[in-house]
């Protein structure tokens, strides 16, 4: 009887130690997009690892983003002046 109670006690303690070790503080994962500045296309150069030309892709995306920004600025100017009537 004593050995059964002792075994149960040790098993309970062991289980509590295992469960409490799993509840520790989680480490932060590093996200490459969070390391770069918002809107940055530098992470696109990593596509070199899968066989694409990362620098060329980055230049194209930067060009598209610049064109989009110019277009948005033109729309803002038109909306500030109002419709021509």
Protein backbone atom coordinates (compact mmCIF):
# COMPACT_ATOMS: atom_id res chain seq x y z
CA UNK A 1 0.00 0.00 0.00
CA UNK A 2 2.83 2.37 0.90
CA UNK A 3 4.66 1.68 -2.35
CA UNK A 4 1.49 2.32 -4.42
CA UNK A 5 0.89 5.67 -2.69
CA UNK A 6 4.55 6.59 -3.10
CA UNK A 7 4.50 5.64 -6.83
CA UNK A 8 1.31 7.66 -7.37
CA UNK A 9 2.83 10.66 -5.59
CA UNK A 10 6.03 10.48 -7.67
CA UNK A 11 4.03 10.05 -10.90
CA UNK A 12 1.89 13.08 -10.02
CA UNK A 13 4.94 15.22 -9.27
CA UNK A 14 6.60 14.07 -12.51
CA UNK A 15 3.45 14.89 -14.52
CA UNK A 16 3.22 18.35 -12.92
CA UNK A 17 6.85 19.07 -13.78
CA UNK A 18 6.30 18.03 -17.40
CA UNK A 19 3.14 20.09 -17.74
CA UNK A 20 4.65 23.17 -16.12
CA UNK A 21 7.73 23.03 -18.36
CA UNK A 22 5.46 23.26 -21.41
CA UNK A 23 3.83 26.43 -20.11
CA UNK A 24 7.00 28.51 -20.20
CA UNK A 25 7.44 31.80 -21.97
CA UNK A 26 7.35 31.41 -25.73
CA UNK A 27 10.17 32.87 -27.74
CA UNK A 28 9.38 35.47 -30.35
CA UNK A 29 9.72 34.29 -33.90
CA UNK A 30 11.49 36.56 -36.30
CA UNK A 31 9.47 37.60 -39.27
CA UNK A 32 11.57 39.03 -42.13
CA UNK A 33 8.81 41.40 -43.13
CA UNK A 34 8.67 42.86 -39.62
CA UNK A 35 12.42 43.48 -39.63
CA UNK A 36 12.25 45.66 -42.71
CA UNK A 37 10.56 49.02 -42.88
CA UNK A 38 6.88 49.08 -43.79
CA UNK A 39 6.45 48.97 -47.54
CA UNK A 40 10.02 47.86 -48.12
CA UNK A 41 10.68 45.40 -50.90
CA UNK A 42 14.08 44.29 -49.64
CA UNK A 43 12.69 40.92 -48.57
CA UNK A 44 11.86 40.17 -52.20
CA UNK A 45 15.54 39.58 -52.85
CA UNK A 46 15.19 36.35 -50.86
CA UNK A 47 13.43 34.73 -53.83
CA UNK A 48 16.95 34.07 -55.14
CA UNK A 49 16.82 31.00 -52.91
CA UNK A 50 14.09 29.40 -55.00
CA UNK A 51 15.52 30.26 -58.40
CA UNK A 52 14.08 33.68 -59.24
CA UNK A 53 16.05 36.87 -59.87
CA UNK A 54 15.42 38.73 -56.61
CA UNK A 55 17.01 42.06 -57.58
CA UNK A 56 15.09 42.23 -60.83
CA UNK A 57 11.82 41.39 -59.09
CA UNK A 58 12.49 44.00 -56.42
CA UNK A 59 13.14 46.68 -59.07
CA UNK A 60 9.89 45.83 -60.85
CA UNK A 61 7.86 45.97 -57.65
CA UNK A 62 9.51 49.26 -56.64
CA UNK A 63 8.63 50.68 -60.07
CA UNK A 64 5.02 49.58 -59.68
CA UNK A 65 4.81 51.04 -56.18
CA UNK A 66 6.25 54.37 -57.39
CA UNK A 67 3.76 54.51 -60.27
CA UNK A 68 0.92 53.74 -57.86
CA UNK A 69 2.09 56.49 -55.50
CA UNK A 70 2.20 59.03 -58.36
CA UNK A 71 -1.28 57.98 -59.45
CA UNK A 72 -2.61 58.38 -55.90
CA UNK A 73 -1.05 61.84 -55.64
CA UNK A 74 -2.72 62.86 -58.89
CA UNK A 75 -6.07 61.60 -57.60
CA UNK A 76 -5.61 63.58 -54.39
CA UNK A 77 -4.89 66.75 -56.36
CA UNK A 78 -7.98 66.21 -58.47
CA UNK A 79 -10.14 65.59 -55.43
CA UNK A 80 -8.84 68.75 -53.72
CA UNK A 81 -9.65 70.98 -56.68
CA UNK A 82 -13.11 69.50 -57.06
CA UNK A 83 -15.00 68.79 -60.28
CA UNK A 84 -14.68 71.35 -63.08
CA UNK A 85 -18.15 72.70 -63.77
